[in-house]
N, C-alpha and C. Protein backbone atom coordinates (compact mmCIF):
# COMPACT_ATOMS: atom_id res chain seq x y z
N UNK A 1 109.27 43.92 47.81
CA UNK A 1 109.03 44.90 47.28
C UNK A 1 107.27 44.70 45.67
N UNK A 2 106.31 45.07 46.66
CA UNK A 2 105.43 44.29 45.89
C UNK A 2 105.28 45.94 45.31
N UNK A 3 104.25 46.11 43.48
CA UNK A 3 104.57 47.02 43.05
C UNK A 3 102.30 46.71 42.86
N UNK A 4 101.24 48.32 42.76
CA UNK A 4 100.25 47.71 42.91
C UNK A 4 100.28 48.84 42.38
N UNK A 5 99.00 47.96 41.13
CA UNK A 5 98.76 48.37 39.22
C UNK A 5 97.23 48.70 39.96
N UNK A 6 96.29 49.84 39.91
CA UNK A 6 94.69 49.39 39.90
C UNK A 6 94.62 50.57 37.73
N UNK A 7 93.04 49.26 38.00
CA UNK A 7 92.84 50.44 36.69
C UNK A 7 91.50 50.13 37.30
N UNK A 8 90.21 50.65 35.58
CA UNK A 8 88.51 50.42 36.06
C UNK A 8 87.97 51.31 35.91
N UNK A 9 88.95 52.33 37.35
CA UNK A 9 88.01 53.65 36.83
C UNK A 9 87.34 54.90 35.98
N UNK A 10 86.15 55.46 36.33
CA UNK A 10 85.77 55.88 34.71
C UNK A 10 84.85 56.22 35.40
N UNK A 11 83.79 57.44 34.36
CA UNK A 11 82.65 57.79 34.97
C UNK A 11 81.71 57.34 34.61
N UNK A 12 79.94 57.08 36.00
CA UNK A 12 79.33 56.88 35.40
C UNK A 12 78.16 57.03 35.86
N UNK A 13 77.14 57.05 34.78
CA UNK A 13 75.65 57.59 36.14
C UNK A 13 75.20 56.76 37.58
N UNK A 14 74.93 57.28 37.52
CA UNK A 14 73.84 56.26 39.31
C UNK A 14 73.12 54.64 38.72
N UNK A 15 73.92 54.70 39.21
CA UNK A 15 72.95 53.47 39.34
C UNK A 15 73.80 52.06 38.97
N UNK A 16 74.47 53.13 37.32
CA UNK A 16 75.74 52.37 37.13
C UNK A 16 76.25 50.84 37.83
N UNK A 17 77.44 50.52 36.89
CA UNK A 17 78.22 49.24 37.46
C UNK A 17 80.32 49.75 36.69
N UNK A 18 80.56 49.44 37.31
CA UNK A 18 81.92 49.07 37.26
C UNK A 18 83.02 47.97 37.99
N UNK A 19 83.74 47.50 37.07
CA UNK A 19 84.61 47.12 37.75
C UNK A 19 86.29 47.49 37.60
N UNK A 20 86.59 47.30 39.26
CA UNK A 20 88.24 47.97 39.51
C UNK A 20 88.64 46.96 39.37
N UNK A 21 90.10 46.56 38.76
CA UNK A 21 91.07 45.62 38.99
C UNK A 21 92.88 46.31 39.42
N UNK A 22 93.38 45.35 40.15
CA UNK A 22 94.53 45.33 40.92
C UNK A 22 95.28 44.55 40.69
N UNK A 23 96.39 44.69 40.36
CA UNK A 23 97.34 44.21 39.45
C UNK A 23 98.88 44.15 39.98
N UNK A 24 98.89 42.84 41.18
CA UNK A 24 100.35 42.53 41.75
C UNK A 24 101.25 42.87 41.30
N UNK A 25 102.36 42.92 41.39
CA UNK A 25 103.48 42.53 40.66
C UNK A 25 104.95 41.40 41.38
N UNK A 26 104.18 40.51 42.79
CA UNK A 26 104.38 39.72 43.55
C UNK A 26 103.06 39.32 44.22
N UNK A 27 103.90 37.96 44.66
CA UNK A 27 102.27 37.20 45.89
C UNK A 27 101.66 38.34 46.34
N UNK A 28 100.35 38.11 45.99
CA UNK A 28 99.65 38.73 47.20
C UNK A 28 98.87 37.60 48.90
N UNK A 29 100.06 37.02 48.93
CA UNK A 29 99.63 36.32 50.12
C UNK A 29 99.57 37.65 50.90
N UNK A 30 98.31 37.72 51.24
CA UNK A 30 98.00 38.52 52.85
C UNK A 30 96.64 39.40 52.71
N UNK A 31 96.36 40.23 53.75
CA UNK A 31 95.12 40.76 53.49
C UNK A 31 94.79 41.95 51.60
N UNK A 32 93.87 41.53 51.32
CA UNK A 32 93.73 42.48 50.63
C UNK A 32 92.84 43.27 50.80
N UNK A 33 93.10 44.37 50.42
CA UNK A 33 92.36 45.74 50.52
C UNK A 33 91.68 46.85 49.60
N UNK A 34 90.21 47.38 49.05
CA UNK A 34 90.85 48.35 48.53
C UNK A 34 89.46 50.02 49.63
N UNK A 35 90.22 51.30 49.25
CA UNK A 35 89.87 51.87 49.75
C UNK A 35 89.98 53.19 48.86
N UNK A 36 88.75 54.17 49.83
CA UNK A 36 88.98 55.41 48.96
C UNK A 36 89.04 56.50 49.14
N UNK A 37 89.05 57.75 48.99
CA UNK A 37 89.45 58.47 49.13
C UNK A 37 88.56 59.96 49.27
N UNK A 38 87.13 60.17 49.00
CA UNK A 38 86.65 62.00 48.88
C UNK A 38 87.37 63.10 48.83
N UNK A 39 87.17 64.12 48.35
CA UNK A 39 87.34 65.45 48.27
C UNK A 39 87.70 65.66 49.82
N UNK A 40 88.35 66.37 50.58
CA UNK A 40 88.25 66.40 52.09
C UNK A 40 87.99 65.99 52.96
N UNK A 41 87.66 64.33 52.16
CA UNK A 41 87.29 63.30 53.62
C UNK A 41 89.28 62.22 53.54
N UNK A 42 89.05 62.12 54.45
CA UNK A 42 89.97 60.54 55.18
C UNK A 42 89.34 59.39 54.67
N UNK A 43 90.54 58.99 54.54
CA UNK A 43 90.54 57.93 53.59
C UNK A 43 89.38 56.56 54.83
N UNK A 44 88.89 55.44 54.10
CA UNK A 44 88.33 54.69 54.21
C UNK A 44 88.62 53.43 54.09
N UNK A 45 88.06 52.14 54.65
CA UNK A 45 88.52 50.51 53.94
C UNK A 45 87.17 51.14 53.68
N UNK A 46 87.05 50.48 51.99
CA UNK A 46 85.29 49.91 51.24
C UNK A 46 85.47 48.78 51.09
N UNK A 47 86.27 47.84 51.04
CA UNK A 47 86.03 45.39 51.14
C UNK A 47 87.97 45.41 51.54
N UNK A 48 87.27 44.86 51.94
CA UNK A 48 88.74 43.71 52.19
C UNK A 48 89.14 41.67 51.98
N UNK A 49 90.05 41.69 52.04
CA UNK A 49 89.47 39.98 51.51
C UNK A 49 91.17 39.57 52.12
N UNK A 50 91.12 38.21 52.92
CA UNK A 50 91.97 38.05 53.50
C UNK A 50 92.90 36.66 52.56
N UNK A 51 94.11 36.18 52.89
CA UNK A 51 94.08 34.87 51.70
C UNK A 51 93.07 34.03 51.62
N UNK A 52 92.45 33.82 52.49
CA UNK A 52 91.02 32.59 53.07
C UNK A 52 90.36 32.67 52.13
N UNK A 53 90.02 33.86 51.76
CA UNK A 53 88.57 34.03 50.82
C UNK A 53 87.57 34.95 52.18
N UNK A 54 88.01 34.81 53.72
CA UNK A 54 87.06 35.88 54.02
C UNK A 54 86.89 37.36 54.15
N UNK A 55 85.86 37.89 53.82
CA UNK A 55 85.75 38.88 53.02
C UNK A 55 84.95 40.09 54.06
N UNK A 56 85.26 41.42 54.64
CA UNK A 56 84.30 42.13 54.96
C UNK A 56 84.51 43.96 54.68
N UNK A 57 83.29 43.45 54.74
CA UNK A 57 82.92 45.77 53.70
C UNK A 57 82.35 46.54 54.53
N UNK A 58 82.65 48.02 54.16
CA UNK A 58 82.36 48.91 54.62
C UNK A 58 80.54 48.56 54.60
N UNK A 59 79.24 49.73 55.36
CA UNK A 59 77.83 49.55 55.94
C UNK A 59 77.40 49.82 54.72
N UNK A 60 78.24 50.71 53.99
CA UNK A 60 77.95 51.50 52.96
C UNK A 60 77.29 50.78 51.90
N UNK A 61 78.99 49.78 51.81
CA UNK A 61 78.63 49.41 50.40
C UNK A 61 78.01 47.75 50.34
N UNK A 62 77.91 47.64 51.54
CA UNK A 62 77.47 45.53 51.30
C UNK A 62 76.31 45.77 50.44
N UNK A 63 76.21 44.85 49.80
CA UNK A 63 74.98 44.21 48.90
C UNK A 63 75.30 44.84 47.96
N UNK A 64 76.30 46.32 47.57
CA UNK A 64 77.09 46.53 46.33
C UNK A 64 77.94 45.88 45.50
N UNK A 65 78.58 46.48 46.16
CA UNK A 65 80.26 46.03 46.10
C UNK A 65 80.69 44.01 46.43
N UNK A 66 81.59 44.10 46.41
CA UNK A 66 82.20 42.47 45.78
C UNK A 66 83.47 42.48 45.21
N UNK A 67 84.46 42.04 46.10
CA UNK A 67 86.01 42.34 46.88
C UNK A 67 86.25 40.53 46.23
N UNK A 68 86.65 40.10 44.94
CA UNK A 68 86.97 38.13 44.53
C UNK A 68 88.79 39.24 44.55
N UNK A 69 89.85 37.42 44.61
CA UNK A 69 90.94 37.96 44.19
C UNK A 69 91.07 36.38 43.63
N UNK A 70 91.85 36.97 42.67
CA UNK A 70 92.92 35.26 42.26
C UNK A 70 94.07 35.25 41.94
N UNK A 71 94.69 34.90 43.44
CA UNK A 71 95.98 34.35 43.26
C UNK A 71 96.93 33.78 42.43
N UNK A 72 96.00 32.74 41.48
CA UNK A 72 97.48 32.95 39.53
C UNK A 72 97.71 33.67 39.25
N UNK A 73 96.58 34.91 39.15
CA UNK A 73 97.01 35.57 38.69
C UNK A 73 97.80 37.32 39.38
N UNK A 74 97.89 37.15 40.67
CA UNK A 74 98.11 38.54 42.02
C UNK A 74 97.08 39.56 41.62
N UNK A 75 95.64 38.95 41.29
CA UNK A 75 94.71 40.27 41.06
C UNK A 75 93.94 40.23 41.96
N UNK A 76 93.09 41.68 42.87
CA UNK A 76 92.19 40.71 43.07
C UNK A 76 90.84 42.68 42.44
N UNK A 77 89.23 42.10 42.99
CA UNK A 77 88.74 42.67 41.78
C UNK A 77 88.40 43.70 42.37
N UNK A 78 86.99 43.98 42.56
CA UNK A 78 86.16 44.95 43.12
C UNK A 78 85.36 45.13 42.66
N UNK A 79 83.86 44.61 42.09
CA UNK A 79 83.25 44.52 41.07
C UNK A 79 81.89 45.50 42.29
N UNK A 80 81.50 46.97 41.47
CA UNK A 80 80.86 48.12 41.95
C UNK A 80 79.18 48.20 41.44
N UNK A 81 78.36 47.64 42.01
CA UNK A 81 76.97 47.75 41.45
C UNK A 81 76.17 48.97 42.25
N UNK A 82 75.51 49.59 41.47
CA UNK A 82 74.11 50.49 41.68
C UNK A 82 75.28 51.57 42.26
N UNK A 83 75.99 52.12 41.59
CA UNK A 83 77.30 53.61 42.11
C UNK A 83 76.06 54.46 42.39
N UNK A 84 76.05 55.18 42.86
CA UNK A 84 75.32 56.30 43.20
C UNK A 84 77.25 57.71 43.54
N UNK A 85 75.98 58.31 43.98
CA UNK A 85 76.73 59.96 43.55
C UNK A 85 78.03 60.16 45.10
N UNK A 86 77.66 59.34 45.48
CA UNK A 86 78.58 59.63 47.09
C UNK A 86 79.75 58.79 46.92
N UNK A 87 79.95 58.36 45.95
CA UNK A 87 81.00 56.72 45.74
C UNK A 87 82.07 57.38 45.49
N UNK A 88 81.68 57.99 44.66
CA UNK A 88 82.99 59.08 43.72
C UNK A 88 84.23 59.46 44.76
N UNK A 89 85.50 58.73 44.38
CA UNK A 89 86.36 58.90 45.41
C UNK A 89 87.86 58.08 44.14
N UNK A 90 88.19 58.91 45.09
CA UNK A 90 90.07 58.16 44.18
C UNK A 90 89.73 56.68 44.52
N UNK A 91 89.69 55.76 44.99
CA UNK A 91 90.03 54.34 44.68
C UNK A 91 91.98 53.71 45.01
N UNK A 92 91.68 52.95 45.86
CA UNK A 92 92.98 53.05 46.27
C UNK A 92 93.47 51.09 46.49
N UNK A 93 93.38 50.25 45.61
CA UNK A 93 94.36 48.90 46.65
C UNK A 93 94.89 49.14 46.67
N UNK A 94 95.31 48.33 48.09
CA UNK A 94 96.03 47.66 49.13
C UNK A 94 96.38 46.29 49.30
N UNK A 95 97.63 46.19 49.99
CA UNK A 95 98.50 45.27 50.22
C UNK A 95 98.53 45.07 52.37
N UNK A 96 98.41 44.17 52.43
CA UNK A 96 99.38 43.58 54.00
C UNK A 96 99.58 42.70 54.14
N UNK A 97 100.57 42.93 53.92
CA UNK A 97 102.36 40.82 54.13
C UNK A 97 102.09 40.85 55.90
N UNK A 98 102.05 40.55 56.41
CA UNK A 98 102.33 40.33 57.89
C UNK A 98 103.68 39.46 57.97
N UNK A 99 104.22 39.17 58.69
CA UNK A 99 106.29 39.27 58.99
C UNK A 99 106.47 39.68 60.35
N UNK A 100 108.11 39.40 60.48
CA UNK A 100 108.25 40.14 61.37
C UNK A 100 107.30 41.66 62.06
N UNK A 101 107.40 41.62 60.51
CA UNK A 101 105.96 43.14 61.34
C UNK A 101 104.56 43.85 60.24
N UNK A 102 104.13 44.27 60.54
CA UNK A 102 102.84 44.23 59.23
C UNK A 102 103.53 45.67 58.19
N UNK A 103 103.16 45.43 56.72
CA UNK A 103 103.39 46.14 55.37
C UNK A 103 102.92 45.89 54.74
N UNK A 104 102.41 47.63 54.86
CA UNK A 104 101.31 47.95 54.27
C UNK A 104 102.43 48.53 52.52
N UNK A 105 101.56 48.19 51.59
CA UNK A 105 102.46 48.30 49.61
C UNK A 105 100.17 49.43 49.37
N UNK A 106 100.14 49.78 48.81
CA UNK A 106 99.15 51.15 48.22
C UNK A 106 100.03 51.63 46.85
N UNK A 107 98.08 51.55 45.73
CA UNK A 107 98.11 51.03 44.47
C UNK A 107 98.12 52.99 44.70
N UNK A 108 97.96 53.24 43.06
CA UNK A 108 98.42 54.90 42.77
C UNK A 108 97.06 55.45 43.00
N UNK A 109 95.92 54.50 42.39
CA UNK A 109 94.81 55.22 42.97
C UNK A 109 94.30 55.22 41.79
N UNK A 110 92.41 55.22 41.69
CA UNK A 110 92.02 54.96 40.46
C UNK A 110 90.67 56.48 40.55
N UNK A 111 90.37 56.96 40.03
CA UNK A 111 89.15 57.39 40.04
C UNK A 111 87.67 57.06 39.21
N UNK A 112 86.64 56.64 40.37
CA UNK A 112 85.45 57.09 39.74
C UNK A 112 84.37 57.72 40.61
N UNK A 113 84.10 59.06 39.50
CA UNK A 113 83.23 59.16 39.22
C UNK A 113 81.84 58.33 38.82
N UNK A 114 80.61 59.01 39.48
CA UNK A 114 80.25 58.48 39.35
C UNK A 114 78.20 59.98 39.32
N UNK A 115 78.04 59.94 38.31
CA UNK A 115 77.87 61.49 38.46
C UNK A 115 75.23 60.96 38.58
N UNK A 116 74.93 61.79 38.70
CA UNK A 116 73.31 62.03 38.45
C UNK A 116 72.84 62.08 38.25
């Protein structure tokens, strides 16, 4: 069982930056991702990174957000620049492990609020 703990959320003005961290209690060999859920909306994928370092981003954050991973520290990061009010949401860390079946692990979420 892997535990994921997010940190780094907070309140920031539009145009500002935040860096989210997700620390895992065990190996993060799998696909790591950041999702977000705004109030009244469905959870959506923001960015993902494979064990090999390939990345994928939602169109709405391309060019502004960067996902990275440090496997030695079992940690994944989300650098968020040029933040917009529409980025306001609870951000969740996710780990997908592929074995006989896919297993998803989720963090508890961290609030990001961008004021205009």
